[in-house]
Amino acid sequence: MGLLRATDPADLADVPFTYPEVGATREPVLPTGYDTVERSVVVGSGTAAFERAAAAVFDWRMQRGVGLRVRATGPAGEPGTVVVLTAGLPRLGYDIPCRVVWAQTTGDERGFAYGTLPGHPESGEEAFLVRLEPGGDVVFTLRVFARLASPLARLGGPVSTLVQRLATQRYLTAVRRAAAGR
């Protein structure tokens, strides 16, 4: 998917996810058989920082901060929204399709998760959460369970893992900047 053609997100509205544990990023323990990441960092303090960080999560700012182009059928806060993230040049990029699995748009913890669709180099789910702690700290949490799925990703093995780690760090940086009002 993607090379020399762009995947239309609307065409993926009804395709099945590429993993059976849909919604598992909401559970306290992530599924076994996957590589998992769970990182939480304080990104700011106070209600204003919380609101800015949550807005960044819901407007795809993290993905854009990694350098991905975003095409979506709706907002990140709406389960069922299909998003196609594209890495690389506009017509020579690699499409990375996902669909929003769950979203929490109100309260002191906000965020969403999306799951992988056919054509994604991995199989699994990624959740992005912002929480306002009682003491005022704003905490961003990234929860991921995934395994390499495409032949290209498996061929790249360690490089694919490194790319994921770099993306994670950039996600954290983008939310921290948003919380600070930058």
C-alpha atoms as a PDB file:
ATOM      1  CA  MET A   1       0.000   0.000   0.000  1.00  0.00           C
ATOM      2  CA  GLY A   2       1.122   3.506  -0.650  1.00  0.00           C
ATOM      3  CA  LEU A   3       4.038   3.239  -3.021  1.00  0.00           C
ATOM      4  CA  LEU A   4       3.117   5.379  -6.060  1.00  0.00           C
ATOM      5  CA  ARG A   5      -0.508   5.545  -4.942  1.00  0.00           C
ATOM      6  CA  ALA A   6      -2.319   6.955  -1.970  1.00  0.00           C
ATOM      7  CA  THR A   7      -4.647   4.801   0.091  1.00  0.00           C
ATOM      8  CA  ASP A   8      -8.039   6.439   0.603  1.00  0.00           C
ATOM      9  CA  PRO A   9      -8.922   6.206   4.319  1.00  0.00           C
ATOM     10  CA  ALA A  10     -12.638   5.841   3.482  1.00  0.00           C
ATOM     11  CA  ASP A  11     -11.878   2.577   1.654  1.00  0.00           C
ATOM     12  CA  LEU A  12     -10.696   1.047   4.942  1.00  0.00           C
ATOM     13  CA  ALA A  13     -13.772   1.757   7.087  1.00  0.00           C
ATOM     14  CA  ASP A  14     -14.900  -1.873   7.213  1.00  0.00           C
ATOM     15  CA  VAL A  15     -11.692  -3.880   6.829  1.00  0.00           C
ATOM     16  CA  PRO A  16     -10.807  -6.067   9.805  1.00  0.00           C
ATOM     17  CA  PHE A  17      -8.037  -5.210  12.246  1.00  0.00           C
ATOM     18  CA  THR A  18      -4.825  -7.208  11.891  1.00  0.00           C
ATOM     19  CA  TYR A  19      -4.865  -8.488  15.495  1.00  0.00           C
ATOM     20  CA  PRO A  20      -7.545 -10.074  17.708  1.00  0.00           C
ATOM     21  CA  GLU A  21      -7.068  -8.119  20.973  1.00  0.00           C
ATOM     22  CA  VAL A  22      -8.902  -4.977  19.813  1.00  0.00           C
ATOM     23  CA  GLY A  23      -9.207  -2.453  22.646  1.00  0.00           C
ATOM     24  CA  ALA A  24      -6.629  -4.142  24.887  1.00  0.00           C
ATOM     25  CA  THR A  25      -4.696  -0.896  25.487  1.00  0.00           C
ATOM     26  CA  ARG A  26      -7.513  -0.031  27.921  1.00  0.00           C
ATOM     27  CA  GLU A  27      -6.736  -3.099  30.039  1.00  0.00           C
ATOM     28  CA  PRO A  28      -4.252  -2.935  32.943  1.00  0.00           C
ATOM     29  CA  VAL A  29      -2.085  -5.700  31.419  1.00  0.00           C
ATOM     30  CA  LEU A  30      -1.134  -5.652  27.733  1.00  0.00           C
ATOM     31  CA  PRO A  31      -1.494  -8.885  25.709  1.00  0.00           C
ATOM     32  CA  THR A  32       1.320 -11.425  25.584  1.00  0.00           C
ATOM     33  CA  GLY A  33       3.082 -12.361  22.358  1.00  0.00           C
ATOM     34  CA  TYR A  34       3.815  -8.761  21.382  1.00  0.00           C
ATOM     35  CA  ASP A  35       6.562  -6.241  21.979  1.00  0.00           C
ATOM     36  CA  THR A  36       5.150  -3.765  24.483  1.00  0.00           C
ATOM     37  CA  VAL A  37       5.969  -0.213  25.419  1.00  0.00           C
ATOM     38  CA  GLU A  38       4.500   1.757  28.281  1.00  0.00           C
ATOM     39  CA  ARG A  39       6.005   5.161  28.944  1.00  0.00           C
ATOM     40  CA  SER A  40       4.655   7.888  31.166  1.00  0.00           C
ATOM     41  CA  VAL A  41       6.270  11.290  31.548  1.00  0.00           C
ATOM     42  CA  VAL A  42       5.292  14.539  33.203  1.00  0.00           C
ATOM     43  CA  VAL A  43       4.851  17.043  30.377  1.00  0.00           C
ATOM     44  CA  GLY A  44       3.596  20.073  32.302  1.00  0.00           C
ATOM     45  CA  SER A  45       1.557  21.350  35.189  1.00  0.00           C
ATOM     46  CA  GLY A  46      -1.917  22.801  35.590  1.00  0.00           C
ATOM     47  CA  THR A  47      -5.236  22.799  33.822  1.00  0.00           C
ATOM     48  CA  ALA A  48      -4.100  24.966  30.888  1.00  0.00           C
ATOM     49  CA  ALA A  49      -1.158  22.641  30.150  1.00  0.00           C
ATOM     50  CA  PHE A  50      -3.512  19.649  30.394  1.00  0.00           C
ATOM     51  CA  GLU A  51      -5.952  21.182  27.903  1.00  0.00           C
ATOM     52  CA  ARG A  52      -3.120  22.031  25.466  1.00  0.00           C
ATOM     53  CA  ALA A  53      -1.626  18.528  25.730  1.00  0.00           C
ATOM     54  CA  ALA A  54      -5.022  16.878  25.199  1.00  0.00           C
ATOM     55  CA  ALA A  55      -5.667  19.080  22.155  1.00  0.00           C
ATOM     56  CA  ALA A  56      -2.300  17.999  20.703  1.00  0.00           C
ATOM     57  CA  VAL A  57      -3.213  14.347  21.154  1.00  0.00           C
ATOM     58  CA  PHE A  58      -6.571  14.762  19.440  1.00  0.00           C
ATOM     59  CA  ASP A  59      -5.337  16.874  16.509  1.00  0.00           C
ATOM     60  CA  TRP A  60      -2.725  14.301  15.391  1.00  0.00           C
ATOM     61  CA  ARG A  61       0.119  16.647  16.401  1.00  0.00           C
ATOM     62  CA  MET A  62       2.291  13.769  17.627  1.00  0.00           C
ATOM     63  CA  GLN A  63       2.106  11.965  14.303  1.00  0.00           C
ATOM     64  CA  ARG A  64       2.836  15.150  12.388  1.00  0.00           C
ATOM     65  CA  GLY A  65       5.731  15.828  14.795  1.00  0.00           C
ATOM     66  CA  VAL A  66       7.317  12.559  13.694  1.00  0.00           C
ATOM     67  CA  GLY A  67       7.081  13.758  10.092  1.00  0.00           C
ATOM     68  CA  LEU A  68       4.073  11.720   9.038  1.00  0.00           C
ATOM     69  CA  ARG A  69       1.345  13.090   6.819  1.00  0.00           C
ATOM     70  CA  VAL A  70      -2.132  12.495   8.234  1.00  0.00           C
ATOM     71  CA  ARG A  71      -5.307  11.768   6.273  1.00  0.00           C
ATOM     72  CA  ALA A  72      -8.333  10.816   8.359  1.00  0.00           C
ATOM     73  CA  THR A  73     -12.045  10.210   7.902  1.00  0.00           C
ATOM     74  CA  GLY A  74     -12.835  12.075  11.121  1.00  0.00           C
ATOM     75  CA  PRO A  75     -11.399  13.215  14.428  1.00  0.00           C
ATOM     76  CA  ALA A  76      -9.099  11.120  16.611  1.00  0.00           C
ATOM     77  CA  GLY A  77     -11.664  11.347  19.392  1.00  0.00           C
ATOM     78  CA  GLU A  78     -14.234   9.349  17.441  1.00  0.00           C
ATOM     79  CA  PRO A  79     -14.038   5.531  17.442  1.00  0.00           C
ATOM     80  CA  GLY A  80     -14.195   4.199  13.898  1.00  0.00           C
ATOM     81  CA  THR A  81     -12.179   7.057  12.402  1.00  0.00           C
ATOM     82  CA  VAL A  82      -9.711   5.689   9.871  1.00  0.00           C
ATOM     83  CA  VAL A  83      -6.359   7.417   9.633  1.00  0.00           C
ATOM     84  CA  VAL A  84      -3.709   6.775   7.020  1.00  0.00           C
ATOM     85  CA  LEU A  85      -0.323   8.037   8.113  1.00  0.00           C
ATOM     86  CA  THR A  86       2.198   8.395   5.306  1.00  0.00           C
ATOM     87  CA  ALA A  87       5.948   8.292   5.718  1.00  0.00           C
ATOM     88  CA  GLY A  88       8.170   9.574   2.935  1.00  0.00           C
ATOM     89  CA  LEU A  89       7.522  11.700  -0.116  1.00  0.00           C
ATOM     90  CA  PRO A  90       3.944  12.566  -1.149  1.00  0.00           C
ATOM     91  CA  ARG A  91       3.576  10.037  -4.004  1.00  0.00           C
ATOM     92  CA  LEU A  92       6.484   7.787  -3.015  1.00  0.00           C
ATOM     93  CA  GLY A  93       5.539   7.378   0.613  1.00  0.00           C
ATOM     94  CA  TYR A  94       4.578   4.339   2.642  1.00  0.00           C
ATOM     95  CA  ASP A  95       0.983   4.326   3.890  1.00  0.00           C
ATOM     96  CA  ILE A  96       0.379   3.212   7.471  1.00  0.00           C
ATOM     97  CA  PRO A  97      -3.368   2.570   7.982  1.00  0.00           C
ATOM     98  CA  CYS A  98      -5.062   2.515  11.412  1.00  0.00           C
ATOM     99  CA  ARG A  99      -8.549   2.883  12.869  1.00  0.00           C
ATOM    100  CA  VAL A 100      -9.491   4.508  16.168  1.00  0.00           C
ATOM    101  CA  VAL A 101     -10.558   1.763  18.580  1.00  0.00           C
ATOM    102  CA  TRP A 102     -11.592   3.792  21.626  1.00  0.00           C
ATOM    103  CA  ALA A 103     -11.504   7.384  22.827  1.00  0.00           C
ATOM    104  CA  GLN A 104     -11.976   9.221  26.111  1.00  0.00           C
ATOM    105  CA  THR A 105     -12.700  12.885  25.354  1.00  0.00           C
ATOM    106  CA  THR A 106     -13.793  14.212  28.763  1.00  0.00           C
ATOM    107  CA  GLY A 107     -12.577  14.168  32.341  1.00  0.00           C
ATOM    108  CA  ASP A 108      -9.107  14.292  33.868  1.00  0.00           C
ATOM    109  CA  GLU A 109      -7.817  11.544  31.559  1.00  0.00           C
ATOM    110  CA  ARG A 110      -8.221  11.953  27.827  1.00  0.00           C
ATOM    111  CA  GLY A 111      -6.892  10.151  24.841  1.00  0.00           C
ATOM    112  CA  PHE A 112      -7.488   7.480  22.259  1.00  0.00           C
ATOM    113  CA  ALA A 113      -6.071   4.313  20.762  1.00  0.00           C
ATOM    114  CA  TYR A 114      -5.817   3.148  17.217  1.00  0.00           C
ATOM    115  CA  GLY A 115      -5.289  -0.318  15.869  1.00  0.00           C
ATOM    116  CA  THR A 116      -3.504  -1.539  12.791  1.00  0.00           C
ATOM    117  CA  LEU A 117      -5.221  -2.350   9.517  1.00  0.00           C
ATOM    118  CA  PRO A 118      -3.951  -4.393   6.534  1.00  0.00           C
ATOM    119  CA  GLY A 119      -0.934  -2.688   4.984  1.00  0.00           C
ATOM    120  CA  HIS A 120       0.479  -1.455   8.313  1.00  0.00           C
ATOM    121  CA  PRO A 121       4.067  -2.653   8.897  1.00  0.00           C
ATOM    122  CA  GLU A 122       3.080  -3.769  12.411  1.00  0.00           C
ATOM    123  CA  SER A 123       0.159  -5.572  13.967  1.00  0.00           C
ATOM    124  CA  GLY A 124      -1.201  -4.211  17.239  1.00  0.00           C
ATOM    125  CA  GLU A 125      -2.485  -1.131  19.012  1.00  0.00           C
ATOM    126  CA  GLU A 126      -1.178   2.194  20.276  1.00  0.00           C
ATOM    127  CA  ALA A 127      -2.812   4.393  22.932  1.00  0.00           C
ATOM    128  CA  PHE A 128      -2.090   8.051  23.694  1.00  0.00           C
ATOM    129  CA  LEU A 129      -3.324   9.358  27.062  1.00  0.00           C
ATOM    130  CA  VAL A 130      -3.019  12.662  28.902  1.00  0.00           C
ATOM    131  CA  ARG A 131      -3.915  12.734  32.605  1.00  0.00           C
ATOM    132  CA  LEU A 132      -4.257  15.641  35.023  1.00  0.00           C
ATOM    133  CA  GLU A 133      -3.052  14.376  38.400  1.00  0.00           C
ATOM    134  CA  PRO A 134      -4.661  15.664  41.639  1.00  0.00           C
ATOM    135  CA  GLY A 135      -1.443  17.578  42.443  1.00  0.00           C
ATOM    136  CA  GLY A 136      -1.530  19.365  39.069  1.00  0.00           C
ATOM    137  CA  ASP A 137       1.052  17.366  37.111  1.00  0.00           C
ATOM    138  CA  VAL A 138       0.130  16.624  33.504  1.00  0.00           C
ATOM    139  CA  VAL A 139       1.215  13.098  32.591  1.00  0.00           C
ATOM    140  CA  PHE A 140       1.393  11.758  29.043  1.00  0.00           C
ATOM    141  CA  THR A 141       1.286   7.977  28.665  1.00  0.00           C
ATOM    142  CA  LEU A 142       1.991   5.939  25.573  1.00  0.00           C
ATOM    143  CA  ARG A 143       0.859   2.282  25.677  1.00  0.00           C
ATOM    144  CA  VAL A 144       1.718  -0.007  22.786  1.00  0.00           C
ATOM    145  CA  PHE A 145       1.547  -3.665  21.955  1.00  0.00           C
ATOM    146  CA  ALA A 146       2.755  -4.590  18.488  1.00  0.00           C
ATOM    147  CA  ARG A 147       4.730  -7.056  16.444  1.00  0.00           C
ATOM    148  CA  LEU A 148       6.282  -6.679  13.023  1.00  0.00           C
ATOM    149  CA  ALA A 149       3.791  -7.724  10.359  1.00  0.00           C
ATOM    150  CA  SER A 150       4.928  -6.751   6.877  1.00  0.00           C
ATOM    151  CA  PRO A 151       7.764  -8.514   5.074  1.00  0.00           C
ATOM    152  CA  LEU A 152       9.565  -5.168   4.755  1.00  0.00           C
ATOM    153  CA  ALA A 153       9.331  -4.487   8.495  1.00  0.00           C
ATOM    154  CA  ARG A 154      10.498  -8.017   9.368  1.00  0.00           C
ATOM    155  CA  LEU A 155      13.385  -7.672   6.931  1.00  0.00           C
ATOM    156  CA  GLY A 156      14.328  -4.413   8.656  1.00  0.00           C
ATOM    157  CA  GLY A 157      14.027  -6.035  12.116  1.00  0.00           C
ATOM    158  CA  PRO A 158      16.332  -3.979  14.352  1.00  0.00           C
ATOM    159  CA  VAL A 159      15.955  -0.890  12.144  1.00  0.00           C
ATOM    160  CA  SER A 160      12.155  -1.121  12.417  1.00  0.00           C
ATOM    161  CA  THR A 161      12.468  -1.325  16.207  1.00  0.00           C
ATOM    162  CA  LEU A 162      14.790   1.695  16.251  1.00  0.00           C
ATOM    163  CA  VAL A 163      12.344   3.697  14.115  1.00  0.00           C
ATOM    164  CA  GLN A 164       9.559   2.866  16.603  1.00  0.00           C
ATOM    165  CA  ARG A 165      11.699   4.019  19.550  1.00  0.00           C
ATOM    166  CA  LEU A 166      12.564   7.282  17.806  1.00  0.00           C
ATOM    167  CA  ALA A 167       8.894   7.858  17.016  1.00  0.00           C
ATOM    168  CA  THR A 168       8.014   7.268  20.677  1.00  0.00           C
ATOM    169  CA  GLN A 169      10.533   9.883  21.784  1.00  0.00           C
ATOM    170  CA  ARG A 170       9.197  12.374  19.238  1.00  0.00           C
ATOM    171  CA  TYR A 171       5.622  11.748  20.392  1.00  0.00           C
ATOM    172  CA  LEU A 172       6.677  12.613  23.941  1.00  0.00           C
ATOM    173  CA  THR A 173       8.499  15.727  22.757  1.00  0.00           C
ATOM    174  CA  ALA A 174       5.495  16.932  20.719  1.00  0.00           C
ATOM    175  CA  VAL A 175       3.121  16.601  23.685  1.00  0.00           C
ATOM    176  CA  ARG A 176       5.600  18.270  26.050  1.00  0.00           C
ATOM    177  CA  ARG A 177       5.903  21.232  23.643  1.00  0.00           C
ATOM    178  CA  ALA A 178       2.140  21.468  23.302  1.00  0.00           C
ATOM    179  CA  ALA A 179       1.665  21.444  27.081  1.00  0.00           C
ATOM    180  CA  ALA A 180       4.173  24.299  27.330  1.00  0.00           C
ATOM    181  CA  GLY A 181       2.246  26.306  24.731  1.00  0.00           C
ATOM    182  CA  ARG A 182       4.838  25.992  21.981  1.00  0.00           C
END
